[in-house]
PDB file of N, CA and C in Angstrom:
ATOM      1  N   MET A   1      -0.047 -17.364 -84.917  1.00  0.00           N
ATOM      2  CA  MET A   1      -0.595 -17.781 -83.689  1.00  0.00           C
ATOM      3  C   MET A   1      -0.525 -16.597 -82.720  1.00  0.00           C
ATOM      4  N   TRP A   2      -1.655 -16.412 -82.190  1.00  0.00           N
ATOM      5  CA  TRP A   2      -1.769 -15.305 -81.232  1.00  0.00           C
ATOM      6  C   TRP A   2      -1.581 -15.841 -79.821  1.00  0.00           C
ATOM      7  N   THR A   3      -0.758 -15.169 -79.059  1.00  0.00           N
ATOM      8  CA  THR A   3      -0.598 -15.539 -77.645  1.00  0.00           C
ATOM      9  C   THR A   3      -1.022 -14.360 -76.788  1.00  0.00           C
ATOM     10  N   ARG A   4      -1.610 -14.712 -75.735  1.00  0.00           N
ATOM     11  CA  ARG A   4      -2.074 -13.681 -74.822  1.00  0.00           C
ATOM     12  C   ARG A   4      -1.292 -13.823 -73.536  1.00  0.00           C
ATOM     13  N   GLN A   5      -0.664 -12.802 -73.124  1.00  0.00           N
ATOM     14  CA  GLN A   5       0.146 -12.876 -71.910  1.00  0.00           C
ATOM     15  C   GLN A   5      -0.651 -12.302 -70.738  1.00  0.00           C
ATOM     16  N   HIS A   6      -0.631 -13.047 -69.673  1.00  0.00           N
ATOM     17  CA  HIS A   6      -1.342 -12.624 -68.460  1.00  0.00           C
ATOM     18  C   HIS A   6      -0.335 -12.160 -67.419  1.00  0.00           C
ATOM     19  N   LYS A   7      -0.731 -11.144 -66.739  1.00  0.00           N
ATOM     20  CA  LYS A   7       0.085 -10.706 -65.612  1.00  0.00           C
ATOM     21  C   LYS A   7      -0.378 -11.500 -64.395  1.00  0.00           C
ATOM     22  N   GLN A   8       0.556 -12.087 -63.686  1.00  0.00           N
ATOM     23  CA  GLN A   8       0.197 -12.888 -62.511  1.00  0.00           C
ATOM     24  C   GLN A   8      -0.354 -11.966 -61.407  1.00  0.00           C
ATOM     25  N   ARG A   9      -1.482 -12.353 -60.853  1.00  0.00           N
ATOM     26  CA  ARG A   9      -2.081 -11.573 -59.765  1.00  0.00           C
ATOM     27  C   ARG A   9      -1.612 -12.130 -58.428  1.00  0.00           C
ATOM     28  N   ASN A  10      -1.436 -11.240 -57.481  1.00  0.00           N
ATOM     29  CA  ASN A  10      -0.976 -11.644 -56.144  1.00  0.00           C
ATOM     30  C   ASN A  10      -2.120 -12.005 -55.208  1.00  0.00           C
ATOM     31  N   THR A  11      -3.352 -11.826 -55.636  1.00  0.00           N
ATOM     32  CA  THR A  11      -4.483 -12.103 -54.744  1.00  0.00           C
ATOM     33  C   THR A  11      -4.594 -13.579 -54.421  1.00  0.00           C
ATOM     34  N   GLY A  12      -4.270 -14.436 -55.307  1.00  0.00           N
ATOM     35  CA  GLY A  12      -4.336 -15.876 -55.054  1.00  0.00           C
ATOM     36  C   GLY A  12      -3.315 -16.314 -54.010  1.00  0.00           C
ATOM     37  N   ARG A  13      -2.212 -15.637 -53.959  1.00  0.00           N
ATOM     38  CA  ARG A  13      -1.183 -15.979 -52.986  1.00  0.00           C
ATOM     39  C   ARG A  13      -1.551 -15.532 -51.569  1.00  0.00           C
ATOM     40  N   LEU A  14      -2.499 -14.610 -51.414  1.00  0.00           N
ATOM     41  CA  LEU A  14      -2.856 -14.070 -50.094  1.00  0.00           C
ATOM     42  C   LEU A  14      -4.057 -14.751 -49.458  1.00  0.00           C
ATOM     43  N   ILE A  15      -4.746 -15.601 -50.217  1.00  0.00           N
ATOM     44  CA  ILE A  15      -5.959 -16.218 -49.679  1.00  0.00           C
ATOM     45  C   ILE A  15      -5.640 -17.160 -48.528  1.00  0.00           C
ATOM     46  N   ILE A  16      -4.747 -18.085 -48.695  1.00  0.00           N
ATOM     47  CA  ILE A  16      -4.442 -19.068 -47.645  1.00  0.00           C
ATOM     48  C   ILE A  16      -3.813 -18.404 -46.417  1.00  0.00           C
ATOM     49  N   PRO A  17      -2.838 -17.531 -46.541  1.00  0.00           N
ATOM     50  CA  PRO A  17      -2.305 -16.885 -45.333  1.00  0.00           C
ATOM     51  C   PRO A  17      -3.348 -16.046 -44.600  1.00  0.00           C
ATOM     52  N   SER A  18      -4.225 -15.363 -45.342  1.00  0.00           N
ATOM     53  CA  SER A  18      -5.253 -14.565 -44.665  1.00  0.00           C
ATOM     54  C   SER A  18      -6.250 -15.464 -43.942  1.00  0.00           C
ATOM     55  N   LEU A  19      -6.612 -16.594 -44.521  1.00  0.00           N
ATOM     56  CA  LEU A  19      -7.496 -17.538 -43.831  1.00  0.00           C
ATOM     57  C   LEU A  19      -6.828 -18.093 -42.575  1.00  0.00           C
ATOM     58  N   CYS A  20      -5.533 -18.345 -42.650  1.00  0.00           N
ATOM     59  CA  CYS A  20      -4.803 -18.836 -41.467  1.00  0.00           C
ATOM     60  C   CYS A  20      -4.770 -17.781 -40.369  1.00  0.00           C
ATOM     61  N   VAL A  21      -4.566 -16.527 -40.733  1.00  0.00           N
ATOM     62  CA  VAL A  21      -4.554 -15.448 -39.743  1.00  0.00           C
ATOM     63  C   VAL A  21      -5.918 -15.316 -39.086  1.00  0.00           C
ATOM     64  N   VAL A  22      -6.984 -15.369 -39.872  1.00  0.00           N
ATOM     65  CA  VAL A  22      -8.340 -15.286 -39.312  1.00  0.00           C
ATOM     66  C   VAL A  22      -8.605 -16.477 -38.397  1.00  0.00           C
ATOM     67  N   PHE A  23      -8.216 -17.647 -38.810  1.00  0.00           N
ATOM     68  CA  PHE A  23      -8.389 -18.871 -38.014  1.00  0.00           C
ATOM     69  C   PHE A  23      -7.647 -18.765 -36.683  1.00  0.00           C
ATOM     70  N   LEU A  24      -6.391 -18.361 -36.724  1.00  0.00           N
ATOM     71  CA  LEU A  24      -5.598 -18.231 -35.499  1.00  0.00           C
ATOM     72  C   LEU A  24      -6.115 -17.113 -34.607  1.00  0.00           C
ATOM     73  N   ALA A  25      -6.570 -16.012 -35.198  1.00  0.00           N
ATOM     74  CA  ALA A  25      -7.110 -14.912 -34.398  1.00  0.00           C
ATOM     75  C   ALA A  25      -8.389 -15.344 -33.680  1.00  0.00           C
ATOM     76  N   TYR A  26      -9.247 -16.079 -34.374  1.00  0.00           N
ATOM     77  CA  TYR A  26     -10.496 -16.548 -33.759  1.00  0.00           C
ATOM     78  C   TYR A  26     -10.212 -17.443 -32.558  1.00  0.00           C
ATOM     79  N   PHE A  27      -9.384 -18.455 -32.751  1.00  0.00           N
ATOM     80  CA  PHE A  27      -9.104 -19.378 -31.658  1.00  0.00           C
ATOM     81  C   PHE A  27      -8.239 -18.741 -30.576  1.00  0.00           C
ATOM     82  N   GLY A  28      -7.373 -17.822 -30.952  1.00  0.00           N
ATOM     83  CA  GLY A  28      -6.582 -17.107 -29.952  1.00  0.00           C
ATOM     84  C   GLY A  28      -7.458 -16.247 -29.058  1.00  0.00           C
ATOM     85  N   PHE A  29      -8.428 -15.567 -29.654  1.00  0.00           N
ATOM     86  CA  PHE A  29      -9.357 -14.745 -28.875  1.00  0.00           C
ATOM     87  C   PHE A  29     -10.135 -15.595 -27.883  1.00  0.00           C
ATOM     88  N   HIS A  30     -10.647 -16.723 -28.349  1.00  0.00           N
ATOM     89  CA  HIS A  30     -11.439 -17.578 -27.465  1.00  0.00           C
ATOM     90  C   HIS A  30     -10.572 -18.328 -26.456  1.00  0.00           C
ATOM     91  N   ALA A  31      -9.318 -18.540 -26.755  1.00  0.00           N
ATOM     92  CA  ALA A  31      -8.428 -19.162 -25.766  1.00  0.00           C
ATOM     93  C   ALA A  31      -8.184 -18.218 -24.600  1.00  0.00           C
ATOM     94  N   TYR A  32      -8.256 -16.923 -24.847  1.00  0.00           N
ATOM     95  CA  TYR A  32      -8.041 -15.962 -23.764  1.00  0.00           C
ATOM     96  C   TYR A  32      -9.355 -15.545 -23.107  1.00  0.00           C
ATOM     97  N   HIS A  33     -10.368 -15.214 -23.892  1.00  0.00           N
ATOM     98  CA  HIS A  33     -11.611 -14.663 -23.353  1.00  0.00           C
ATOM     99  C   HIS A  33     -12.739 -15.679 -23.234  1.00  0.00           C
ATOM    100  N   GLY A  34     -12.558 -16.882 -23.653  1.00  0.00           N
ATOM    101  CA  GLY A  34     -13.640 -17.860 -23.654  1.00  0.00           C
ATOM    102  C   GLY A  34     -14.005 -18.335 -22.252  1.00  0.00           C
ATOM    103  N   GLU A  35     -15.008 -19.184 -22.198  1.00  0.00           N
ATOM    104  CA  GLU A  35     -15.509 -19.691 -20.919  1.00  0.00           C
ATOM    105  C   GLU A  35     -14.437 -20.471 -20.157  1.00  0.00           C
ATOM    106  N   PHE A  36     -13.594 -21.184 -20.860  1.00  0.00           N
ATOM    107  CA  PHE A  36     -12.523 -21.948 -20.233  1.00  0.00           C
ATOM    108  C   PHE A  36     -11.153 -21.351 -20.553  1.00  0.00           C
ATOM    109  N   GLY A  37     -11.112 -20.062 -20.863  1.00  0.00           N
ATOM    110  CA  GLY A  37      -9.881 -19.402 -21.276  1.00  0.00           C
ATOM    111  C   GLY A  37      -9.009 -18.974 -20.110  1.00  0.00           C
ATOM    112  N   ILE A  38      -7.920 -18.325 -20.462  1.00  0.00           N
ATOM    113  CA  ILE A  38      -6.940 -17.882 -19.476  1.00  0.00           C
ATOM    114  C   ILE A  38      -7.540 -16.834 -18.544  1.00  0.00           C
ATOM    115  N   ASN A  39      -8.274 -15.886 -19.087  1.00  0.00           N
ATOM    116  CA  ASN A  39      -8.887 -14.842 -18.275  1.00  0.00           C
ATOM    117  C   ASN A  39      -9.887 -15.441 -17.279  1.00  0.00           C
ATOM    118  N   SER A  40     -10.649 -16.422 -17.708  1.00  0.00           N
ATOM    119  CA  SER A  40     -11.614 -17.076 -16.819  1.00  0.00           C
ATOM    120  C   SER A  40     -10.908 -17.808 -15.690  1.00  0.00           C
ATOM    121  N   LYS A  41      -9.757 -18.360 -15.967  1.00  0.00           N
ATOM    122  CA  LYS A  41      -8.987 -19.049 -14.930  1.00  0.00           C
ATOM    123  C   LYS A  41      -8.609 -18.080 -13.818  1.00  0.00           C
ATOM    124  N   TYR A  42      -8.140 -16.891 -14.191  1.00  0.00           N
ATOM    125  CA  TYR A  42      -7.761 -15.899 -13.181  1.00  0.00           C
ATOM    126  C   TYR A  42      -8.971 -15.405 -12.403  1.00  0.00           C
ATOM    127  N   GLN A  43     -10.095 -15.250 -13.067  1.00  0.00           N
ATOM    128  CA  GLN A  43     -11.315 -14.835 -12.375  1.00  0.00           C
ATOM    129  C   GLN A  43     -11.774 -15.910 -11.386  1.00  0.00           C
ATOM    130  N   LEU A  44     -11.685 -17.171 -11.773  1.00  0.00           N
ATOM    131  CA  LEU A  44     -12.063 -18.256 -10.869  1.00  0.00           C
ATOM    132  C   LEU A  44     -11.127 -18.342  -9.668  1.00  0.00           C
ATOM    133  N   GLU A  45      -9.833 -18.101  -9.887  1.00  0.00           N
ATOM    134  CA  GLU A  45      -8.892 -18.111  -8.771  1.00  0.00           C
ATOM    135  C   GLU A  45      -9.186 -16.979  -7.795  1.00  0.00           C
ATOM    136  N   ALA A  46      -9.522 -15.798  -8.305  1.00  0.00           N
ATOM    137  CA  ALA A  46      -9.865 -14.670  -7.437  1.00  0.00           C
ATOM    138  C   ALA A  46     -11.149 -14.956  -6.663  1.00  0.00           C
ATOM    139  N   GLN A  47     -12.109 -15.561  -7.331  1.00  0.00           N
ATOM    140  CA  GLN A  47     -13.361 -15.911  -6.670  1.00  0.00           C
ATOM    141  C   GLN A  47     -13.119 -16.978  -5.601  1.00  0.00           C
ATOM    142  N   THR A  48     -12.222 -17.912  -5.875  1.00  0.00           N
ATOM    143  CA  THR A  48     -11.887 -18.949  -4.899  1.00  0.00           C
ATOM    144  C   THR A  48     -11.273 -18.339  -3.648  1.00  0.00           C
ATOM    145  N   VAL A  49     -10.388 -17.370  -3.825  1.00  0.00           N
ATOM    146  CA  VAL A  49      -9.753 -16.709  -2.677  1.00  0.00           C
ATOM    147  C   VAL A  49     -10.802 -15.967  -1.851  1.00  0.00           C
ATOM    148  N   ALA A  50     -11.711 -15.251  -2.523  1.00  0.00           N
ATOM    149  CA  ALA A  50     -12.751 -14.507  -1.807  1.00  0.00           C
ATOM    150  C   ALA A  50     -13.682 -15.444  -1.047  1.00  0.00           C
ATOM    151  N   LEU A  51     -14.071 -16.536  -1.676  1.00  0.00           N
ATOM    152  CA  LEU A  51     -14.971 -17.494  -1.012  1.00  0.00           C
ATOM    153  C   LEU A  51     -14.263 -18.218   0.133  1.00  0.00           C
ATOM    154  N   GLN A  52     -12.962 -18.477  -0.022  1.00  0.00           N
ATOM    155  CA  GLN A  52     -12.214 -19.121   1.058  1.00  0.00           C
ATOM    156  C   GLN A  52     -12.137 -18.194   2.277  1.00  0.00           C
ATOM    157  N   ALA A  53     -11.942 -16.895   2.039  1.00  0.00           N
ATOM    158  CA  ALA A  53     -11.925 -15.929   3.146  1.00  0.00           C
ATOM    159  C   ALA A  53     -13.281 -15.873   3.834  1.00  0.00           C
ATOM    160  N   GLN A  54     -14.335 -15.914   3.036  1.00  0.00           N
ATOM    161  CA  GLN A  54     -15.684 -15.909   3.608  1.00  0.00           C
ATOM    162  C   GLN A  54     -15.921 -17.188   4.420  1.00  0.00           C
ATOM    163  N   LEU A  55     -15.465 -18.324   3.918  1.00  0.00           N
ATOM    164  CA  LEU A  55     -15.611 -19.586   4.640  1.00  0.00           C
ATOM    165  C   LEU A  55     -14.849 -19.553   5.953  1.00  0.00           C
ATOM    166  N   ASP A  56     -13.641 -18.999   5.948  1.00  0.00           N
ATOM    167  CA  ASP A  56     -12.864 -18.892   7.184  1.00  0.00           C
ATOM    168  C   ASP A  56     -13.569 -18.023   8.214  1.00  0.00           C
ATOM    169  N   ALA A  57     -14.191 -16.931   7.767  1.00  0.00           N
ATOM    170  CA  ALA A  57     -14.921 -16.059   8.684  1.00  0.00           C
ATOM    171  C   ALA A  57     -16.128 -16.790   9.279  1.00  0.00           C
ATOM    172  N   VAL A  58     -16.826 -17.549   8.448  1.00  0.00           N
ATOM    173  CA  VAL A  58     -17.998 -18.293   8.937  1.00  0.00           C
ATOM    174  C   VAL A  58     -17.559 -19.378   9.924  1.00  0.00           C
ATOM    175  N   LYS A  59     -16.443 -20.053   9.630  1.00  0.00           N
ATOM    176  CA  LYS A  59     -15.945 -21.075  10.551  1.00  0.00           C
ATOM    177  C   LYS A  59     -15.542 -20.475  11.885  1.00  0.00           C
ATOM    178  N   ALA A  60     -14.893 -19.312  11.850  1.00  0.00           N
ATOM    179  CA  ALA A  60     -14.498 -18.641  13.094  1.00  0.00           C
ATOM    180  C   ALA A  60     -15.726 -18.249  13.902  1.00  0.00           C
ATOM    181  N   ARG A  61     -16.749 -17.745  13.217  1.00  0.00           N
ATOM    182  CA  ARG A  61     -17.999 -17.373  13.906  1.00  0.00           C
ATOM    183  C   ARG A  61     -18.660 -18.609  14.512  1.00  0.00           C
ATOM    184  N   ARG A  62     -18.635 -19.715  13.792  1.00  0.00           N
ATOM    185  CA  ARG A  62     -19.233 -20.948  14.314  1.00  0.00           C
ATOM    186  C   ARG A  62     -18.482 -21.448  15.544  1.00  0.00           C
ATOM    187  N   ILE A  63     -17.171 -21.399  15.505  1.00  0.00           N
ATOM    188  CA  ILE A  63     -16.375 -21.829  16.661  1.00  0.00           C
ATOM    189  C   ILE A  63     -16.697 -20.969  17.878  1.00  0.00           C
ATOM    190  N   GLU A  64     -16.839 -19.649  17.654  1.00  0.00           N
ATOM    191  CA  GLU A  64     -17.179 -18.753  18.759  1.00  0.00           C
ATOM    192  C   GLU A  64     -18.563 -19.071  19.312  1.00  0.00           C
ATOM    193  N   LEU A  65     -19.523 -19.326  18.424  1.00  0.00           N
ATOM    194  CA  LEU A  65     -20.869 -19.668  18.895  1.00  0.00           C
ATOM    195  C   LEU A  65     -20.883 -21.011  19.631  1.00  0.00           C
ATOM    196  N   GLU A  66     -20.121 -21.980  19.139  1.00  0.00           N
ATOM    197  CA  GLU A  66     -20.059 -23.271  19.832  1.00  0.00           C
ATOM    198  C   GLU A  66     -19.431 -23.122  21.208  1.00  0.00           C
ATOM    199  N   ARG A  67     -18.431 -22.249  21.314  1.00  0.00           N
ATOM    200  CA  ARG A  67     -17.809 -22.012  22.620  1.00  0.00           C
ATOM    201  C   ARG A  67     -18.809 -21.403  23.587  1.00  0.00           C
ATOM    202  N   ARG A  68     -19.610 -20.455  23.091  1.00  0.00           N
ATOM    203  CA  ARG A  68     -20.611 -19.827  23.958  1.00  0.00           C
ATOM    204  C   ARG A  68     -21.709 -20.820  24.351  1.00  0.00           C
ATOM    205  N   VAL A  69     -22.082 -21.700  23.442  1.00  0.00           N
ATOM    206  CA  VAL A  69     -23.098 -22.709  23.756  1.00  0.00           C
ATOM    207  C   VAL A  69     -22.558 -23.685  24.796  1.00  0.00           C
ATOM    208  N   ARG A  70     -21.278 -24.061  24.663  1.00  0.00           N
ATOM    209  CA  ARG A  70     -20.669 -24.960  25.649  1.00  0.00           C
ATOM    210  C   ARG A  70     -20.679 -24.353  27.044  1.00  0.00           C
ATOM    211  N   LEU A  71     -20.541 -23.029  27.136  1.00  0.00           N
ATOM    212  CA  LEU A  71     -20.568 -22.375  28.442  1.00  0.00           C
ATOM    213  C   LEU A  71     -21.948 -22.458  29.081  1.00  0.00           C
ATOM    214  N   MET A  72     -22.991 -22.549  28.268  1.00  0.00           N
ATOM    215  CA  MET A  72     -24.347 -22.640  28.811  1.00  0.00           C
ATOM    216  C   MET A  72     -24.839 -24.078  28.895  1.00  0.00           C
ATOM    217  N   HIS A  73     -24.004 -25.046  28.582  1.00  0.00           N
ATOM    218  CA  HIS A  73     -24.400 -26.443  28.576  1.00  0.00           C
ATOM    219  C   HIS A  73     -24.705 -26.923  29.995  1.00  0.00           C
ATOM    220  N   ASP A  74     -25.637 -27.872  30.103  1.00  0.00           N
ATOM    221  CA  ASP A  74     -26.011 -28.422  31.413  1.00  0.00           C
ATOM    222  C   ASP A  74     -24.801 -28.953  32.165  1.00  0.00           C
ATOM    223  N   GLY A  75     -24.727 -28.689  33.436  1.00  0.00           N
ATOM    224  CA  GLY A  75     -23.645 -29.187  34.264  1.00  0.00           C
ATOM    225  C   GLY A  75     -22.439 -28.266  34.284  1.00  0.00           C
ATOM    226  N   THR A  76     -22.245 -27.498  33.251  1.00  0.00           N
ATOM    227  CA  THR A  76     -21.111 -26.577  33.219  1.00  0.00           C
ATOM    228  C   THR A  76     -21.612 -25.149  33.038  1.00  0.00           C
ATOM    229  N   LEU A  77     -22.761 -24.857  33.578  1.00  0.00           N
ATOM    230  CA  LEU A  77     -23.376 -23.552  33.408  1.00  0.00           C
ATOM    231  C   LEU A  77     -22.551 -22.482  34.118  1.00  0.00           C
ATOM    232  N   GLU A  78     -22.089 -21.529  33.381  1.00  0.00           N
ATOM    233  CA  GLU A  78     -21.320 -20.437  33.960  1.00  0.00           C
ATOM    234  C   GLU A  78     -22.270 -19.332  34.366  1.00  0.00           C
ATOM    235  N   LYS A  79     -22.093 -18.821  35.547  1.00  0.00           N
ATOM    236  CA  LYS A  79     -22.993 -17.791  36.056  1.00  0.00           C
ATOM    237  C   LYS A  79     -22.868 -16.495  35.265  1.00  0.00           C
ATOM    238  N   ASP A  80     -21.675 -16.169  34.832  1.00  0.00           N
ATOM    239  CA  ASP A  80     -21.503 -14.939  34.059  1.00  0.00           C
ATOM    240  C   ASP A  80     -22.260 -15.018  32.734  1.00  0.00           C
ATOM    241  N   MET A  81     -22.181 -16.169  32.074  1.00  0.00           N
ATOM    242  CA  MET A  81     -22.876 -16.329  30.805  1.00  0.00           C
ATOM    243  C   MET A  81     -24.388 -16.282  31.022  1.00  0.00           C
ATOM    244  N   LEU A  82     -24.851 -16.931  32.051  1.00  0.00           N
ATOM    245  CA  LEU A  82     -26.276 -16.917  32.359  1.00  0.00           C
ATOM    246  C   LEU A  82     -26.738 -15.495  32.666  1.00  0.00           C
ATOM    247  N   ASP A  83     -25.958 -14.766  33.446  1.00  0.00           N
ATOM    248  CA  ASP A  83     -26.290 -13.396  33.792  1.00  0.00           C
ATOM    249  C   ASP A  83     -26.327 -12.508  32.541  1.00  0.00           C
ATOM    250  N   GLU A  84     -25.345 -12.685  31.677  1.00  0.00           N
ATOM    251  CA  GLU A  84     -25.287 -11.886  30.436  1.00  0.00           C
ATOM    252  C   GLU A  84     -26.505 -12.156  29.558  1.00  0.00           C
ATOM    253  N   GLN A  85     -26.873 -13.426  29.399  1.00  0.00           N
ATOM    254  CA  GLN A  85     -28.023 -13.760  28.559  1.00  0.00           C
ATOM    255  C   GLN A  85     -29.329 -13.251  29.170  1.00  0.00           C
ATOM    256  N   ALA A  86     -29.462 -13.351  30.478  1.00  0.00           N
ATOM    257  CA  ALA A  86     -30.686 -12.883  31.137  1.00  0.00           C
ATOM    258  C   ALA A  86     -30.811 -11.368  31.019  1.00  0.00           C
ATOM    259  N   ARG A  87     -29.718 -10.662  31.225  1.00  0.00           N
ATOM    260  CA  ARG A  87     -29.768  -9.197  31.097  1.00  0.00           C
ATOM    261  C   ARG A  87     -30.082  -8.778  29.667  1.00  0.00           C
ATOM    262  N   ARG A  88     -29.535  -9.479  28.719  1.00  0.00           N
ATOM    263  CA  ARG A  88     -29.815  -9.140  27.320  1.00  0.00           C
ATOM    264  C   ARG A  88     -31.283  -9.427  26.987  1.00  0.00           C
ATOM    265  N   ALA A  89     -31.805 -10.550  27.451  1.00  0.00           N
ATOM    266  CA  ALA A  89     -33.193 -10.912  27.146  1.00  0.00           C
ATOM    267  C   ALA A  89     -34.177  -9.971  27.837  1.00  0.00           C
ATOM    268  N   LEU A  90     -33.884  -9.603  29.081  1.00  0.00           N
ATOM    269  CA  LEU A  90     -34.806  -8.758  29.851  1.00  0.00           C
ATOM    270  C   LEU A  90     -34.519  -7.270  29.678  1.00  0.00           C
ATOM    271  N   ASN A  91     -33.378  -6.946  29.086  1.00  0.00           N
ATOM    272  CA  ASN A  91     -32.970  -5.561  28.879  1.00  0.00           C
ATOM    273  C   ASN A  91     -32.899  -4.814  30.213  1.00  0.00           C
ATOM    274  N   LEU A  92     -32.265  -5.421  31.192  1.00  0.00           N
ATOM    275  CA  LEU A  92     -32.144  -4.837  32.531  1.00  0.00           C
ATOM    276  C   LEU A  92     -30.684  -4.687  32.926  1.00  0.00           C
ATOM    277  N   SER A  93     -30.411  -3.698  33.782  1.00  0.00           N
ATOM    278  CA  SER A  93     -29.102  -3.566  34.412  1.00  0.00           C
ATOM    279  C   SER A  93     -29.275  -2.797  35.710  1.00  0.00           C
ATOM    280  N   GLN A  94     -28.291  -2.911  36.571  1.00  0.00           N
ATOM    281  CA  GLN A  94     -28.330  -2.228  37.861  1.00  0.00           C
ATOM    282  C   GLN A  94     -27.954  -0.753  37.668  1.00  0.00           C
ATOM    283  N   PRO A  95     -28.413   0.129  38.561  1.00  0.00           N
ATOM    284  CA  PRO A  95     -28.112   1.554  38.402  1.00  0.00           C
ATOM    285  C   PRO A  95     -26.610   1.871  38.499  1.00  0.00           C
ATOM    286  N   ASP A  96     -25.847   1.087  39.246  1.00  0.00           N
ATOM    287  CA  ASP A  96     -24.428   1.384  39.418  1.00  0.00           C
ATOM    288  C   ASP A  96     -23.540   0.642  38.413  1.00  0.00           C
ATOM    289  N   GLU A  97     -24.115   0.022  37.396  1.00  0.00           N
ATOM    290  CA  GLU A  97     -23.359  -0.715  36.402  1.00  0.00           C
ATOM    291  C   GLU A  97     -23.162   0.119  35.143  1.00  0.00           C
ATOM    292  N   ILE A  98     -22.077  -0.148  34.474  1.00  0.00           N
ATOM    293  CA  ILE A  98     -21.823   0.482  33.180  1.00  0.00           C
ATOM    294  C   ILE A  98     -22.270  -0.496  32.103  1.00  0.00           C
ATOM    295  N   THR A  99     -23.113  -0.021  31.192  1.00  0.00           N
ATOM    296  CA  THR A  99     -23.638  -0.867  30.126  1.00  0.00           C
ATOM    297  C   THR A  99     -22.998  -0.467  28.805  1.00  0.00           C
ATOM    298  N   ILE A 100     -22.436  -1.441  28.116  1.00  0.00           N
ATOM    299  CA  ILE A 100     -21.840  -1.211  26.808  1.00  0.00           C
ATOM    300  C   ILE A 100     -22.747  -1.859  25.776  1.00  0.00           C
ATOM    301  N   MET A 101     -23.287  -1.052  24.895  1.00  0.00           N
ATOM    302  CA  MET A 101     -24.197  -1.562  23.875  1.00  0.00           C
ATOM    303  C   MET A 101     -23.382  -2.051  22.669  1.00  0.00           C
ATOM    304  N   LEU A 102     -23.564  -3.305  22.299  1.00  0.00           N
ATOM    305  CA  LEU A 102     -22.895  -3.887  21.145  1.00  0.00           C
ATOM    306  C   LEU A 102     -23.860  -3.908  19.975  1.00  0.00           C
ATOM    307  N   PRO A 103     -23.348  -3.893  18.749  1.00  0.00           N
ATOM    308  CA  PRO A 103     -24.242  -3.989  17.583  1.00  0.00           C
ATOM    309  C   PRO A 103     -24.996  -5.314  17.595  1.00  0.00           C
ATOM    310  N   ALA A 104     -26.099  -5.328  16.906  1.00  0.00           N
ATOM    311  CA  ALA A 104     -26.962  -6.524  16.873  1.00  0.00           C
ATOM    312  C   ALA A 104     -26.257  -7.706  16.221  1.00  0.00           C
ATOM    313  N   SER A 105     -25.277  -7.481  15.327  1.00  0.00           N
ATOM    314  CA  SER A 105     -24.620  -8.582  14.627  1.00  0.00           C
ATOM    315  C   SER A 105     -23.682  -9.368  15.525  1.00  0.00           C
ATOM    316  N   SER A 106     -23.316  -8.830  16.693  1.00  0.00           N
ATOM    317  CA  SER A 106     -22.386  -9.556  17.570  1.00  0.00           C
ATOM    318  C   SER A 106     -23.097 -10.475  18.535  1.00  0.00           C
ATOM    319  N   LYS A 107     -24.411 -10.606  18.416  1.00  0.00           N
ATOM    320  CA  LYS A 107     -25.155 -11.508  19.320  1.00  0.00           C
ATOM    321  C   LYS A 107     -24.850 -12.935  19.049  1.00  0.00           C
TER     322      LYS A 107
END
């Protein structure tokens, strides 16, 4: 009787662990870089902070504009505010006055 002896190969033992490593690497990569991953969370938090700062600036500008509108409201018309608006609209000033030109964005 002839017997044939085989040497055991190690390749069969590496298939399942290598598939597990590939599986974990794929999901690990997407857990960090994916649309709902850890990196995206930090980017959204940074964007939230930037937008909140922008919102605060817009609210402050609105409060300032509402205050200026209240000064020109009927019955409580302030002469200084009226004078300032008229001079700005007509682009006039007296010869003995000092005129300070402000940028157009501060109107």
